[in-house]
Amino acid sequence: MADWVTISALATAGGTLVLAGATFASVRSANRAARVAEQSMLVGLRPLLMPSRLDDAPQKIGFADSKWLVAPGGGGAAEATDGAVYLGFAVRNAGSGIAVLHGWHLRPSGDVVASDTHAPLEEFHTLTRDLYIPSRDVGFWQGALRDPSMPDFATARAAIEGRERMIIDVLYGDHEGGQRVVTRFTMTPRGDEDGGWIVGAARHWNIDRADPR
């Protein structure tokens, strides 16, 4: 005679096991879908700065002491006095999200070979002005040094006066405060007599996520 109590218990246990497996698979699928949705959202917010194109409009760059520079498309501008150094260049945001600029770091003018690392973030100069670069649009980066005792002041002034290449790392992120990137830009003096500079981009480092390489 069949033991219906045992059979019923086994059937219940089997059903529970099947339900548990289905629930586990459903949770895994939901988690995977959530990760995909999060990645898609982050891609939509992600900025990526590059030099502007040569045919992009010039960028007028103003400083707190009423000093103005004009950076042409694909180029930059730089001036040095006894009391201040002014730097700026035009950029284009090739990413899909707004870029918010945070800071910058100047490498020695003689360092013509880009290294595999950037300076620690705590060594970056913090921007005192909020600079937002819209997606698929142009804007500018600017930096000023007003303390002649700082090593960067002497480095920048010597590069400007000697018409030497400058390497500037720019730190920026999305408008939510994440997805920070350091992009290495170069300012190379043009061969003509107008004192202009050609801007290039050499490397990109992701700070808050894995690098693409």
Foldseek 3Di string as FASTA:
>chain_A
DDPVVVVVVVVVVVVVVVVVVVVVVVVVVVVVVVVVVVVVVVQLQWWDKWAFAQPDAWAWDADPVRDIDIAGRQWWAWDADPFKIKTKYKIFTQGNHKKKWFFKDKDALVPPDDDPDDDPPVRTGGDPDIDIHGHRGMHMDMDMDGDCVDPVNVRRVCCLVVQTKIKMWTWITGPVPDFIKIWIKMWHFDPDDPSITGIGTDDMDTDHDHDPD
